[in-house]
Amino acid sequence: MGMERQPVHFARFEVPEYLEWYLGRGNHHLKWRIGDAHRAGHIQLLLKILERSPQCRPAMLSVLQFEPEAVDDAVMPLTTLRLPVPLSIERARFMLTLLKARRERLLEALMTP
């Protein structure tokens, strides 16, 4: 969700190449095998699961079948909550950029035979 990024850096993510670079670096907390030296990339892990269990594809796709605007409707009201560390509108928009881009990458990976 980009929690390690400061607001001063949000504009970088408007550059498609930078956004793709950032998303490509994302790793799951899991490894495919315990002895693996590195954690698995998000899409790499998803594709390995599909390789082993192709019957999971419909369930995976169903999780991604939502209108992107519905995410806006869920996230933006969180900026109005009175919290010790409030969610700024800028950070909420940044999070939405990441969520929508990740959704698109996942859909693309799942739709590729």
Protein backbone atom coordinates (compact mmCIF):
# COMPACT_ATOMS: atom_id res chain seq x y z
CA MET A 1 0.00 0.00 0.00
CA GLY A 2 3.02 2.28 -0.23
CA MET A 3 3.30 2.94 3.49
CA GLU A 4 7.05 3.42 3.15
CA ARG A 5 6.60 6.30 0.69
CA GLN A 6 6.45 9.90 1.82
CA PRO A 7 3.92 12.31 0.28
CA VAL A 8 6.71 14.22 -1.44
CA HIS A 9 7.26 11.10 -3.61
CA PHE A 10 3.64 10.48 -4.66
CA ALA A 11 4.04 12.42 -7.93
CA ARG A 12 6.66 9.90 -9.13
CA PHE A 13 3.92 7.30 -9.38
CA GLU A 14 2.15 9.33 -12.06
CA VAL A 15 4.98 8.28 -14.40
CA PRO A 16 3.88 4.88 -15.80
CA GLU A 17 7.43 3.52 -16.00
CA TYR A 18 8.11 4.36 -12.37
CA LEU A 19 4.83 2.83 -11.25
CA GLU A 20 5.60 -0.38 -13.17
CA TRP A 21 9.12 -0.49 -11.71
CA TYR A 22 7.74 -0.09 -8.19
CA LEU A 23 5.05 -2.73 -8.65
CA GLY A 24 7.55 -5.13 -10.19
CA ARG A 25 9.65 -4.97 -7.04
CA GLY A 26 6.77 -6.07 -4.81
CA ASN A 27 7.28 -9.38 -3.06
CA HIS A 28 4.97 -11.47 -0.98
CA HIS A 29 5.99 -12.29 2.56
CA LEU A 30 5.98 -15.95 1.53
CA LYS A 31 8.57 -17.98 -0.30
CA TRP A 32 7.54 -20.73 -2.68
CA ARG A 33 9.85 -23.15 -0.89
CA ILE A 34 11.30 -22.76 2.59
CA GLY A 35 14.84 -23.01 1.23
CA ASP A 36 14.38 -20.31 -1.41
CA ALA A 37 16.81 -17.43 -0.99
CA HIS A 38 14.21 -14.78 -1.82
CA ARG A 39 10.54 -14.17 -1.23
CA ALA A 40 8.24 -14.75 -4.18
CA GLY A 41 7.02 -11.89 -6.33
CA HIS A 42 3.27 -11.33 -6.07
CA ILE A 43 2.46 -12.31 -9.63
CA GLN A 44 5.11 -15.02 -9.69
CA LEU A 45 3.47 -16.63 -6.65
CA LEU A 46 0.01 -16.33 -8.19
CA LEU A 47 1.19 -18.01 -11.40
CA LYS A 48 2.90 -20.82 -9.48
CA ILE A 49 -0.32 -21.49 -7.60
CA LEU A 50 -2.21 -21.61 -10.91
CA GLU A 51 0.39 -23.94 -12.36
CA ARG A 52 -0.22 -26.38 -9.53
CA SER A 53 -3.96 -25.75 -9.15
CA PRO A 54 -5.48 -24.37 -12.37
CA GLN A 55 -8.96 -24.86 -10.93
CA CYS A 56 -8.26 -21.82 -8.69
CA ARG A 57 -8.37 -19.39 -11.63
CA PRO A 58 -12.14 -18.66 -11.41
CA ALA A 59 -11.91 -17.95 -7.68
CA MET A 60 -8.92 -15.67 -8.21
CA LEU A 61 -10.70 -13.81 -10.98
CA SER A 62 -13.83 -13.42 -8.90
CA VAL A 63 -11.87 -11.54 -6.23
CA LEU A 64 -10.83 -8.99 -8.85
CA GLN A 65 -14.29 -8.55 -10.40
CA PHE A 66 -15.27 -5.18 -8.99
CA GLU A 67 -15.57 -1.72 -10.41
CA PRO A 68 -12.48 0.36 -9.62
CA GLU A 69 -14.77 3.21 -8.59
CA ALA A 70 -16.11 1.00 -5.80
CA VAL A 71 -12.65 1.11 -4.25
CA ASP A 72 -12.77 4.91 -4.34
CA ASP A 73 -16.12 4.78 -2.57
CA ALA A 74 -14.64 2.53 0.13
CA VAL A 75 -11.33 4.32 0.68
CA MET A 76 -12.05 8.05 0.36
CA PRO A 77 -14.48 8.23 3.34
CA LEU A 78 -11.64 6.97 5.53
CA THR A 79 -10.01 10.38 5.13
CA THR A 80 -12.77 11.92 7.26
CA LEU A 81 -12.13 9.73 10.31
CA ARG A 82 -10.66 11.48 13.32
CA LEU A 83 -7.63 9.32 14.08
CA PRO A 84 -4.32 9.90 15.88
CA VAL A 85 -2.67 9.59 12.45
CA PRO A 86 -5.32 10.58 9.92
CA LEU A 87 -5.39 9.29 6.37
CA SER A 88 -4.76 12.29 4.15
CA ILE A 89 -6.60 12.72 0.87
CA GLU A 90 -3.25 12.66 -0.93
CA ARG A 91 -2.26 9.34 0.66
CA ALA A 92 -5.69 7.86 -0.04
CA ARG A 93 -5.38 8.81 -3.71
CA PHE A 94 -1.87 7.33 -3.77
CA MET A 95 -3.15 4.09 -2.25
CA LEU A 96 -5.92 3.97 -4.85
CA THR A 97 -3.38 4.40 -7.64
CA LEU A 98 -1.44 1.41 -6.31
CA LEU A 99 -4.54 -0.73 -5.74
CA LYS A 100 -5.94 -0.13 -9.20
CA ALA A 101 -2.59 -0.72 -10.91
CA ARG A 102 -2.07 -3.95 -8.98
CA ARG A 103 -5.57 -5.10 -9.88
CA GLU A 104 -4.85 -4.49 -13.57
CA ARG A 105 -1.55 -6.41 -13.39
CA LEU A 106 -3.23 -9.32 -11.63
CA LEU A 107 -6.09 -9.43 -14.13
CA GLU A 108 -3.63 -9.35 -17.00
CA ALA A 109 -1.62 -12.22 -15.49
CA LEU A 110 -4.74 -14.29 -14.83
CA MET A 111 -6.15 -13.74 -18.32
CA THR A 112 -2.92 -14.86 -20.03
CA PRO A 113 -3.14 -18.56 -20.87
